[in-house]
PDB file of N, CA and C in Angstrom:
ATOM      1  N   UNK A   1     -54.216 -21.555   4.299  1.00  0.00           N
ATOM      2  CA  UNK A   1     -52.852 -21.475   3.825  1.00  0.00           C
ATOM      3  C   UNK A   1     -52.761 -22.299   2.547  1.00  0.00           C
ATOM      4  N   UNK A   2     -52.311 -21.669   1.484  1.00  0.00           N
ATOM      5  CA  UNK A   2     -52.157 -22.369   0.216  1.00  0.00           C
ATOM      6  C   UNK A   2     -50.860 -23.153   0.169  1.00  0.00           C
ATOM      7  N   UNK A   3     -50.656 -23.880  -0.918  1.00  0.00           N
ATOM      8  CA  UNK A   3     -49.479 -24.745  -1.024  1.00  0.00           C
ATOM      9  C   UNK A   3     -48.173 -23.951  -1.042  1.00  0.00           C
ATOM     10  N   UNK A   4     -48.167 -22.768  -1.646  1.00  0.00           N
ATOM     11  CA  UNK A   4     -46.943 -21.959  -1.700  1.00  0.00           C
ATOM     12  C   UNK A   4     -46.537 -21.504  -0.306  1.00  0.00           C
ATOM     13  N   UNK A   5     -47.511 -20.976   0.436  1.00  0.00           N
ATOM     14  CA  UNK A   5     -47.216 -20.518   1.793  1.00  0.00           C
ATOM     15  C   UNK A   5     -46.855 -21.692   2.698  1.00  0.00           C
ATOM     16  N   UNK A   6     -47.557 -22.801   2.536  1.00  0.00           N
ATOM     17  CA  UNK A   6     -47.275 -23.980   3.336  1.00  0.00           C
ATOM     18  C   UNK A   6     -45.857 -24.489   3.075  1.00  0.00           C
ATOM     19  N   UNK A   7     -45.459 -24.523   1.818  1.00  0.00           N
ATOM     20  CA  UNK A   7     -44.113 -24.992   1.460  1.00  0.00           C
ATOM     21  C   UNK A   7     -43.040 -24.072   2.033  1.00  0.00           C
ATOM     22  N   UNK A   8     -43.245 -22.761   1.935  1.00  0.00           N
ATOM     23  CA  UNK A   8     -42.275 -21.809   2.470  1.00  0.00           C
ATOM     24  C   UNK A   8     -42.172 -21.957   3.985  1.00  0.00           C
ATOM     25  N   UNK A   9     -43.310 -22.135   4.636  1.00  0.00           N
ATOM     26  CA  UNK A   9     -43.326 -22.268   6.086  1.00  0.00           C
ATOM     27  C   UNK A   9     -42.647 -23.566   6.523  1.00  0.00           C
ATOM     28  N   UNK A  10     -42.912 -24.638   5.807  1.00  0.00           N
ATOM     29  CA  UNK A  10     -42.269 -25.911   6.122  1.00  0.00           C
ATOM     30  C   UNK A  10     -40.757 -25.823   5.896  1.00  0.00           C
ATOM     31  N   UNK A  11     -40.346 -25.183   4.806  1.00  0.00           N
ATOM     32  CA  UNK A  11     -38.917 -25.004   4.528  1.00  0.00           C
ATOM     33  C   UNK A  11     -38.265 -24.212   5.652  1.00  0.00           C
ATOM     34  N   UNK A  12     -38.915 -23.110   6.073  1.00  0.00           N
ATOM     35  CA  UNK A  12     -38.386 -22.280   7.159  1.00  0.00           C
ATOM     36  C   UNK A  12     -38.243 -23.101   8.436  1.00  0.00           C
ATOM     37  N   UNK A  13     -39.263 -23.867   8.769  1.00  0.00           N
ATOM     38  CA  UNK A  13     -39.238 -24.645  10.003  1.00  0.00           C
ATOM     39  C   UNK A  13     -38.146 -25.718   9.971  1.00  0.00           C
ATOM     40  N   UNK A  14     -38.018 -26.423   8.851  1.00  0.00           N
ATOM     41  CA  UNK A  14     -37.014 -27.484   8.782  1.00  0.00           C
ATOM     42  C   UNK A  14     -35.601 -26.909   8.804  1.00  0.00           C
ATOM     43  N   UNK A  15     -35.403 -25.772   8.131  1.00  0.00           N
ATOM     44  CA  UNK A  15     -34.082 -25.155   8.126  1.00  0.00           C
ATOM     45  C   UNK A  15     -33.721 -24.611   9.508  1.00  0.00           C
ATOM     46  N   UNK A  16     -34.688 -24.043  10.200  1.00  0.00           N
ATOM     47  CA  UNK A  16     -34.435 -23.550  11.554  1.00  0.00           C
ATOM     48  C   UNK A  16     -34.091 -24.717  12.479  1.00  0.00           C
ATOM     49  N   UNK A  17     -34.834 -25.802  12.360  1.00  0.00           N
ATOM     50  CA  UNK A  17     -34.561 -26.979  13.195  1.00  0.00           C
ATOM     51  C   UNK A  17     -33.151 -27.510  12.950  1.00  0.00           C
ATOM     52  N   UNK A  18     -32.764 -27.601  11.679  1.00  0.00           N
ATOM     53  CA  UNK A  18     -31.415 -28.080  11.354  1.00  0.00           C
ATOM     54  C   UNK A  18     -30.347 -27.138  11.903  1.00  0.00           C
ATOM     55  N   UNK A  19     -30.563 -25.839  11.793  1.00  0.00           N
ATOM     56  CA  UNK A  19     -29.590 -24.860  12.285  1.00  0.00           C
ATOM     57  C   UNK A  19     -29.481 -24.929  13.808  1.00  0.00           C
ATOM     58  N   UNK A  20     -30.611 -25.104  14.482  1.00  0.00           N
ATOM     59  CA  UNK A  20     -30.584 -25.236  15.947  1.00  0.00           C
ATOM     60  C   UNK A  20     -29.728 -26.436  16.351  1.00  0.00           C
ATOM     61  N   UNK A  21     -29.916 -27.533  15.637  1.00  0.00           N
ATOM     62  CA  UNK A  21     -29.172 -28.762  15.935  1.00  0.00           C
ATOM     63  C   UNK A  21     -27.687 -28.610  15.566  1.00  0.00           C
ATOM     64  N   UNK A  22     -27.443 -28.114  14.363  1.00  0.00           N
ATOM     65  CA  UNK A  22     -26.069 -27.985  13.861  1.00  0.00           C
ATOM     66  C   UNK A  22     -25.239 -27.038  14.730  1.00  0.00           C
ATOM     67  N   UNK A  23     -25.854 -25.906  15.121  1.00  0.00           N
ATOM     68  CA  UNK A  23     -25.137 -24.901  15.907  1.00  0.00           C
ATOM     69  C   UNK A  23     -25.229 -25.154  17.409  1.00  0.00           C
ATOM     70  N   UNK A  24     -25.876 -26.260  17.774  1.00  0.00           N
ATOM     71  CA  UNK A  24     -26.061 -26.627  19.182  1.00  0.00           C
ATOM     72  C   UNK A  24     -26.612 -25.460  19.998  1.00  0.00           C
ATOM     73  N   UNK A  25     -27.672 -24.862  19.473  1.00  0.00           N
ATOM     74  CA  UNK A  25     -28.299 -23.709  20.121  1.00  0.00           C
ATOM     75  C   UNK A  25     -28.957 -24.173  21.416  1.00  0.00           C
ATOM     76  N   UNK A  26     -28.727 -23.415  22.465  1.00  0.00           N
ATOM     77  CA  UNK A  26     -29.304 -23.694  23.778  1.00  0.00           C
ATOM     78  C   UNK A  26     -29.991 -22.426  24.282  1.00  0.00           C
ATOM     79  N   UNK A  27     -31.111 -22.597  24.906  1.00  0.00           N
ATOM     80  CA  UNK A  27     -31.818 -21.474  25.503  1.00  0.00           C
ATOM     81  C   UNK A  27     -32.882 -20.897  24.582  1.00  0.00           C
ATOM     82  N   UNK A  28     -33.954 -20.448  25.222  1.00  0.00           N
ATOM     83  CA  UNK A  28     -35.108 -19.936  24.482  1.00  0.00           C
ATOM     84  C   UNK A  28     -34.772 -18.697  23.665  1.00  0.00           C
ATOM     85  N   UNK A  29     -34.058 -17.761  24.232  1.00  0.00           N
ATOM     86  CA  UNK A  29     -33.747 -16.514  23.530  1.00  0.00           C
ATOM     87  C   UNK A  29     -32.903 -16.781  22.282  1.00  0.00           C
ATOM     88  N   UNK A  30     -31.900 -17.618  22.413  1.00  0.00           N
ATOM     89  CA  UNK A  30     -31.038 -17.947  21.267  1.00  0.00           C
ATOM     90  C   UNK A  30     -31.826 -18.726  20.209  1.00  0.00           C
ATOM     91  N   UNK A  31     -32.716 -19.609  20.640  1.00  0.00           N
ATOM     92  CA  UNK A  31     -33.542 -20.376  19.696  1.00  0.00           C
ATOM     93  C   UNK A  31     -34.497 -19.445  18.947  1.00  0.00           C
ATOM     94  N   UNK A  32     -35.119 -18.527  19.674  1.00  0.00           N
ATOM     95  CA  UNK A  32     -36.008 -17.559  19.026  1.00  0.00           C
ATOM     96  C   UNK A  32     -35.258 -16.706  18.010  1.00  0.00           C
ATOM     97  N   UNK A  33     -34.053 -16.286  18.350  1.00  0.00           N
ATOM     98  CA  UNK A  33     -33.246 -15.481  17.437  1.00  0.00           C
ATOM     99  C   UNK A  33     -32.894 -16.278  16.185  1.00  0.00           C
ATOM    100  N   UNK A  34     -32.579 -17.557  16.355  1.00  0.00           N
ATOM    101  CA  UNK A  34     -32.262 -18.422  15.217  1.00  0.00           C
ATOM    102  C   UNK A  34     -33.474 -18.554  14.297  1.00  0.00           C
ATOM    103  N   UNK A  35     -34.640 -18.790  14.876  1.00  0.00           N
ATOM    104  CA  UNK A  35     -35.874 -18.893  14.079  1.00  0.00           C
ATOM    105  C   UNK A  35     -36.132 -17.592  13.316  1.00  0.00           C
ATOM    106  N   UNK A  36     -35.938 -16.473  13.979  1.00  0.00           N
ATOM    107  CA  UNK A  36     -36.148 -15.164  13.349  1.00  0.00           C
ATOM    108  C   UNK A  36     -35.193 -14.988  12.163  1.00  0.00           C
ATOM    109  N   UNK A  37     -33.924 -15.291  12.367  1.00  0.00           N
ATOM    110  CA  UNK A  37     -32.921 -15.122  11.302  1.00  0.00           C
ATOM    111  C   UNK A  37     -33.217 -16.019  10.102  1.00  0.00           C
ATOM    112  N   UNK A  38     -33.576 -17.263  10.358  1.00  0.00           N
ATOM    113  CA  UNK A  38     -33.903 -18.183   9.262  1.00  0.00           C
ATOM    114  C   UNK A  38     -35.138 -17.670   8.518  1.00  0.00           C
ATOM    115  N   UNK A  39     -36.150 -17.245   9.252  1.00  0.00           N
ATOM    116  CA  UNK A  39     -37.352 -16.698   8.629  1.00  0.00           C
ATOM    117  C   UNK A  39     -37.058 -15.474   7.775  1.00  0.00           C
ATOM    118  N   UNK A  40     -36.184 -14.607   8.269  1.00  0.00           N
ATOM    119  CA  UNK A  40     -35.802 -13.401   7.516  1.00  0.00           C
ATOM    120  C   UNK A  40     -35.112 -13.785   6.209  1.00  0.00           C
ATOM    121  N   UNK A  41     -34.246 -14.776   6.267  1.00  0.00           N
ATOM    122  CA  UNK A  41     -33.542 -15.215   5.051  1.00  0.00           C
ATOM    123  C   UNK A  41     -34.490 -15.873   4.055  1.00  0.00           C
ATOM    124  N   UNK A  42     -35.450 -16.647   4.543  1.00  0.00           N
ATOM    125  CA  UNK A  42     -36.438 -17.263   3.648  1.00  0.00           C
ATOM    126  C   UNK A  42     -37.253 -16.169   2.962  1.00  0.00           C
ATOM    127  N   UNK A  43     -37.696 -15.169   3.734  1.00  0.00           N
ATOM    128  CA  UNK A  43     -38.446 -14.047   3.156  1.00  0.00           C
ATOM    129  C   UNK A  43     -37.588 -13.289   2.141  1.00  0.00           C
ATOM    130  N   UNK A  44     -36.314 -13.098   2.458  1.00  0.00           N
ATOM    131  CA  UNK A  44     -35.398 -12.403   1.549  1.00  0.00           C
ATOM    132  C   UNK A  44     -35.269 -13.173   0.236  1.00  0.00           C
ATOM    133  N   UNK A  45     -35.160 -14.485   0.323  1.00  0.00           N
ATOM    134  CA  UNK A  45     -35.048 -15.322  -0.874  1.00  0.00           C
ATOM    135  C   UNK A  45     -36.317 -15.240  -1.714  1.00  0.00           C
ATOM    136  N   UNK A  46     -37.480 -15.296  -1.066  1.00  0.00           N
ATOM    137  CA  UNK A  46     -38.746 -15.176  -1.795  1.00  0.00           C
ATOM    138  C   UNK A  46     -38.771 -13.853  -2.557  1.00  0.00           C
ATOM    139  N   UNK A  47     -38.391 -12.773  -1.890  1.00  0.00           N
ATOM    140  CA  UNK A  47     -38.392 -11.446  -2.513  1.00  0.00           C
ATOM    141  C   UNK A  47     -37.402 -11.381  -3.675  1.00  0.00           C
ATOM    142  N   UNK A  48     -36.200 -11.916  -3.478  1.00  0.00           N
ATOM    143  CA  UNK A  48     -35.173 -11.876  -4.523  1.00  0.00           C
ATOM    144  C   UNK A  48     -35.594 -12.671  -5.763  1.00  0.00           C
ATOM    145  N   UNK A  49     -36.345 -13.734  -5.559  1.00  0.00           N
ATOM    146  CA  UNK A  49     -36.807 -14.554  -6.678  1.00  0.00           C
ATOM    147  C   UNK A  49     -38.045 -13.984  -7.350  1.00  0.00           C
ATOM    148  N   UNK A  50     -38.559 -12.901  -6.790  1.00  0.00           N
ATOM    149  CA  UNK A  50     -39.745 -12.277  -7.364  1.00  0.00           C
ATOM    150  C   UNK A  50     -41.031 -12.963  -6.964  1.00  0.00           C
ATOM    151  N   UNK A  51     -40.970 -13.762  -5.903  1.00  0.00           N
ATOM    152  CA  UNK A  51     -42.156 -14.456  -5.428  1.00  0.00           C
ATOM    153  C   UNK A  51     -43.086 -13.533  -4.667  1.00  0.00           C
ATOM    154  N   UNK A  52     -44.241 -14.027  -4.359  1.00  0.00           N
ATOM    155  CA  UNK A  52     -45.224 -13.276  -3.598  1.00  0.00           C
ATOM    156  C   UNK A  52     -44.991 -13.524  -2.121  1.00  0.00           C
ATOM    157  N   UNK A  53     -44.912 -12.453  -1.350  1.00  0.00           N
ATOM    158  CA  UNK A  53     -44.717 -12.575   0.079  1.00  0.00           C
ATOM    159  C   UNK A  53     -45.969 -13.221   0.691  1.00  0.00           C
ATOM    160  N   UNK A  54     -45.800 -14.008   1.746  1.00  0.00           N
ATOM    161  CA  UNK A  54     -46.939 -14.726   2.327  1.00  0.00           C
ATOM    162  C   UNK A  54     -48.131 -13.835   2.660  1.00  0.00           C
ATOM    163  N   UNK A  55     -47.878 -12.659   3.170  1.00  0.00           N
ATOM    164  CA  UNK A  55     -48.990 -11.773   3.537  1.00  0.00           C
ATOM    165  C   UNK A  55     -49.735 -11.229   2.320  1.00  0.00           C
ATOM    166  N   UNK A  56     -49.168 -11.384   1.138  1.00  0.00           N
ATOM    167  CA  UNK A  56     -49.812 -10.915  -0.092  1.00  0.00           C
ATOM    168  C   UNK A  56     -50.441 -12.041  -0.909  1.00  0.00           C
ATOM    169  N   UNK A  57     -50.355 -13.272  -0.404  1.00  0.00           N
ATOM    170  CA  UNK A  57     -50.977 -14.397  -1.100  1.00  0.00           C
ATOM    171  C   UNK A  57     -52.487 -14.324  -0.929  1.00  0.00           C
ATOM    172  N   UNK A  58     -53.245 -14.846  -1.900  1.00  0.00           N
ATOM    173  CA  UNK A  58     -54.705 -14.814  -1.774  1.00  0.00           C
ATOM    174  C   UNK A  58     -55.164 -15.601  -0.548  1.00  0.00           C
ATOM    175  N   UNK A  59     -56.215 -15.081   0.063  1.00  0.00           N
ATOM    176  CA  UNK A  59     -56.775 -15.728   1.247  1.00  0.00           C
ATOM    177  C   UNK A  59     -58.106 -16.373   0.872  1.00  0.00           C
ATOM    178  N   UNK A  60     -58.421 -17.512   1.489  1.00  0.00           N
ATOM    179  CA  UNK A  60     -59.712 -18.150   1.205  1.00  0.00           C
ATOM    180  C   UNK A  60     -60.857 -17.294   1.723  1.00  0.00           C
ATOM    181  N   UNK A  61     -62.029 -17.470   1.131  1.00  0.00           N
ATOM    182  CA  UNK A  61     -63.199 -16.703   1.551  1.00  0.00           C
ATOM    183  C   UNK A  61     -63.631 -17.076   2.959  1.00  0.00           C
ATOM    184  N   UNK A  62     -63.487 -18.344   3.326  1.00  0.00           N
ATOM    185  CA  UNK A  62     -63.914 -18.819   4.641  1.00  0.00           C
ATOM    186  C   UNK A  62     -62.755 -19.518   5.335  1.00  0.00           C
ATOM    187  N   UNK A  63     -62.673 -19.340   6.643  1.00  0.00           N
ATOM    188  CA  UNK A  63     -61.652 -20.041   7.419  1.00  0.00           C
ATOM    189  C   UNK A  63     -62.104 -21.474   7.675  1.00  0.00           C
ATOM    190  N   UNK A  64     -61.193 -22.297   8.116  1.00  0.00           N
ATOM    191  CA  UNK A  64     -61.526 -23.680   8.450  1.00  0.00           C
ATOM    192  C   UNK A  64     -62.574 -23.696   9.563  1.00  0.00           C
ATOM    193  N   UNK A  65     -62.420 -22.793  10.538  1.00  0.00           N
ATOM    194  CA  UNK A  65     -63.375 -22.731  11.644  1.00  0.00           C
ATOM    195  C   UNK A  65     -64.779 -22.386  11.131  1.00  0.00           C
ATOM    196  N   UNK A  66     -64.873 -21.441  10.203  1.00  0.00           N
ATOM    197  CA  UNK A  66     -66.175 -21.069   9.642  1.00  0.00           C
ATOM    198  C   UNK A  66     -66.790 -22.228   8.872  1.00  0.00           C
ATOM    199  N   UNK A  67     -65.981 -22.932   8.096  1.00  0.00           N
ATOM    200  CA  UNK A  67     -66.474 -24.078   7.335  1.00  0.00           C
ATOM    201  C   UNK A  67     -66.950 -25.193   8.269  1.00  0.00           C
ATOM    202  N   UNK A  68     -66.201 -25.436   9.345  1.00  0.00           N
ATOM    203  CA  UNK A  68     -66.584 -26.465  10.305  1.00  0.00           C
ATOM    204  C   UNK A  68     -67.894 -26.095  10.996  1.00  0.00           C
ATOM    205  N   UNK A  69     -68.051 -24.850  11.343  1.00  0.00           N
ATOM    206  CA  UNK A  69     -69.285 -24.378  11.990  1.00  0.00           C
ATOM    207  C   UNK A  69     -70.493 -24.582  11.061  1.00  0.00           C
ATOM    208  N   UNK A  70     -70.313 -24.249   9.793  1.00  0.00           N
ATOM    209  CA  UNK A  70     -71.378 -24.427   8.802  1.00  0.00           C
ATOM    210  C   UNK A  70     -71.712 -25.903   8.636  1.00  0.00           C
ATOM    211  N   UNK A  71     -70.684 -26.741   8.592  1.00  0.00           N
ATOM    212  CA  UNK A  71     -70.893 -28.184   8.450  1.00  0.00           C
ATOM    213  C   UNK A  71     -71.687 -28.733   9.632  1.00  0.00           C
ATOM    214  N   UNK A  72     -71.340 -28.293  10.839  1.00  0.00           N
ATOM    215  CA  UNK A  72     -72.052 -28.765  12.031  1.00  0.00           C
ATOM    216  C   UNK A  72     -73.519 -28.346  11.998  1.00  0.00           C
ATOM    217  N   UNK A  73     -73.774 -27.110  11.558  1.00  0.00           N
ATOM    218  CA  UNK A  73     -75.159 -26.644  11.456  1.00  0.00           C
ATOM    219  C   UNK A  73     -75.940 -27.484  10.458  1.00  0.00           C
ATOM    220  N   UNK A  74     -75.317 -27.776   9.320  1.00  0.00           N
ATOM    221  CA  UNK A  74     -75.988 -28.580   8.293  1.00  0.00           C
ATOM    222  C   UNK A  74     -76.236 -30.008   8.785  1.00  0.00           C
ATOM    223  N   UNK A  75     -75.283 -30.549   9.521  1.00  0.00           N
ATOM    224  CA  UNK A  75     -75.433 -31.902  10.061  1.00  0.00           C
ATOM    225  C   UNK A  75     -76.593 -31.951  11.051  1.00  0.00           C
ATOM    226  N   UNK A  76     -76.705 -30.922  11.907  1.00  0.00           N
ATOM    227  CA  UNK A  76     -77.799 -30.860  12.871  1.00  0.00           C
ATOM    228  C   UNK A  76     -79.151 -30.774  12.158  1.00  0.00           C
ATOM    229  N   UNK A  77     -79.232 -30.009  11.093  1.00  0.00           N
ATOM    230  CA  UNK A  77     -80.466 -29.881  10.324  1.00  0.00           C
ATOM    231  C   UNK A  77     -80.846 -31.221   9.708  1.00  0.00           C
ATOM    232  N   UNK A  78     -79.854 -31.955   9.199  1.00  0.00           N
ATOM    233  CA  UNK A  78     -80.102 -33.248   8.576  1.00  0.00           C
ATOM    234  C   UNK A  78     -80.577 -34.282   9.598  1.00  0.00           C
ATOM    235  N   UNK A  79     -80.104 -34.145  10.845  1.00  0.00           N
ATOM    236  CA  UNK A  79     -80.481 -35.083  11.899  1.00  0.00           C
ATOM    237  C   UNK A  79     -81.922 -34.887  12.361  1.00  0.00           C
ATOM    238  N   UNK A  80     -82.469 -33.705  12.153  1.00  0.00           N
ATOM    239  CA  UNK A  80     -83.843 -33.407  12.612  1.00  0.00           C
ATOM    240  C   UNK A  80     -84.870 -33.820  11.634  1.00  0.00           C
TER     241      UNK A  80
END
């Protein structure tokens, strides 16, 4: 996840949390609906500003899991 996607995701999460608290949302279904609505509005804002949607952002060549696996293999080789 790059900085743009991370920032959008953090903004979405903090805004959803504030809305849950402000609106005194109770119950899983209502909380899920609130998260969905906030996420939809964040995506709408990104689109209106001409930003790149998260699913269209560049992806790294290797995942963190792949990099960690490679690091462990290299560490084992160095230990031998």
